């Protein structure tokens, strides 16, 4: 009985950890895309 409860807690915490890790990955990707967009805008402005 205790093994089942402990196993469920482990699965629950690993799931929570995976959700937050995925969110962190999205935040990093968003920052990278913002940087690329800012660089593109500067280059486009210099061409005009």
C-alpha atoms as a PDB file:
ATOM      1  CA  UNK A   1       0.000   0.000   0.000  1.00  0.00           C
ATOM      2  CA  UNK A   2       2.733   2.448   0.964  1.00  0.00           C
ATOM      3  CA  UNK A   3       4.715   1.631  -2.169  1.00  0.00           C
ATOM      4  CA  UNK A   4       1.733   2.578  -4.311  1.00  0.00           C
ATOM      5  CA  UNK A   5       1.270   5.911  -2.538  1.00  0.00           C
ATOM      6  CA  UNK A   6       4.983   6.720  -2.759  1.00  0.00           C
ATOM      7  CA  UNK A   7       4.984   5.740  -6.437  1.00  0.00           C
ATOM      8  CA  UNK A   8       2.046   8.034  -7.140  1.00  0.00           C
ATOM      9  CA  UNK A   9       3.765  10.926  -5.366  1.00  0.00           C
ATOM     10  CA  UNK A  10       6.904  10.373  -7.435  1.00  0.00           C
ATOM     11  CA  UNK A  11       4.921  10.355 -10.674  1.00  0.00           C
ATOM     12  CA  UNK A  12       3.044  13.482  -9.580  1.00  0.00           C
ATOM     13  CA  UNK A  13       6.221  15.415  -8.754  1.00  0.00           C
ATOM     14  CA  UNK A  14       7.961  14.329 -11.964  1.00  0.00           C
ATOM     15  CA  UNK A  15       4.941  15.510 -13.953  1.00  0.00           C
ATOM     16  CA  UNK A  16       4.989  18.892 -12.220  1.00  0.00           C
ATOM     17  CA  UNK A  17       8.727  19.172 -12.869  1.00  0.00           C
ATOM     18  CA  UNK A  18       8.221  18.381 -16.579  1.00  0.00           C
ATOM     19  CA  UNK A  19       5.513  21.043 -16.891  1.00  0.00           C
ATOM     20  CA  UNK A  20       7.730  23.750 -15.435  1.00  0.00           C
ATOM     21  CA  UNK A  21      10.746  22.645 -17.484  1.00  0.00           C
ATOM     22  CA  UNK A  22       8.679  22.893 -20.653  1.00  0.00           C
ATOM     23  CA  UNK A  23       7.551  26.377 -19.675  1.00  0.00           C
ATOM     24  CA  UNK A  24      11.159  27.385 -19.127  1.00  0.00           C
ATOM     25  CA  UNK A  25      12.068  26.077 -22.567  1.00  0.00           C
ATOM     26  CA  UNK A  26       9.270  28.153 -24.092  1.00  0.00           C
ATOM     27  CA  UNK A  27      10.471  31.251 -22.256  1.00  0.00           C
ATOM     28  CA  UNK A  28      14.007  30.773 -23.585  1.00  0.00           C
ATOM     29  CA  UNK A  29      12.729  30.245 -27.116  1.00  0.00           C
ATOM     30  CA  UNK A  30      10.579  33.363 -26.834  1.00  0.00           C
ATOM     31  CA  UNK A  31      13.576  35.424 -25.709  1.00  0.00           C
ATOM     32  CA  UNK A  32      15.665  34.127 -28.613  1.00  0.00           C
ATOM     33  CA  UNK A  33      12.926  34.982 -31.115  1.00  0.00           C
ATOM     34  CA  UNK A  34      12.551  38.478 -29.656  1.00  0.00           C
ATOM     35  CA  UNK A  35      16.296  39.016 -30.057  1.00  0.00           C
ATOM     36  CA  UNK A  36      16.159  37.844 -33.669  1.00  0.00           C
ATOM     37  CA  UNK A  37      13.218  40.148 -34.384  1.00  0.00           C
ATOM     38  CA  UNK A  38      15.001  43.133 -32.842  1.00  0.00           C
ATOM     39  CA  UNK A  39      18.100  42.409 -34.955  1.00  0.00           C
ATOM     40  CA  UNK A  40      15.956  42.090 -38.092  1.00  0.00           C
ATOM     41  CA  UNK A  41      14.262  45.435 -37.413  1.00  0.00           C
ATOM     42  CA  UNK A  42      17.620  47.197 -36.961  1.00  0.00           C
ATOM     43  CA  UNK A  43      19.004  45.708 -40.183  1.00  0.00           C
ATOM     44  CA  UNK A  44      15.844  46.613 -42.105  1.00  0.00           C
ATOM     45  CA  UNK A  45      15.980  50.187 -40.793  1.00  0.00           C
ATOM     46  CA  UNK A  46      19.627  50.496 -41.928  1.00  0.00           C
ATOM     47  CA  UNK A  47      18.703  49.386 -45.470  1.00  0.00           C
ATOM     48  CA  UNK A  48      16.202  52.250 -45.911  1.00  0.00           C
END
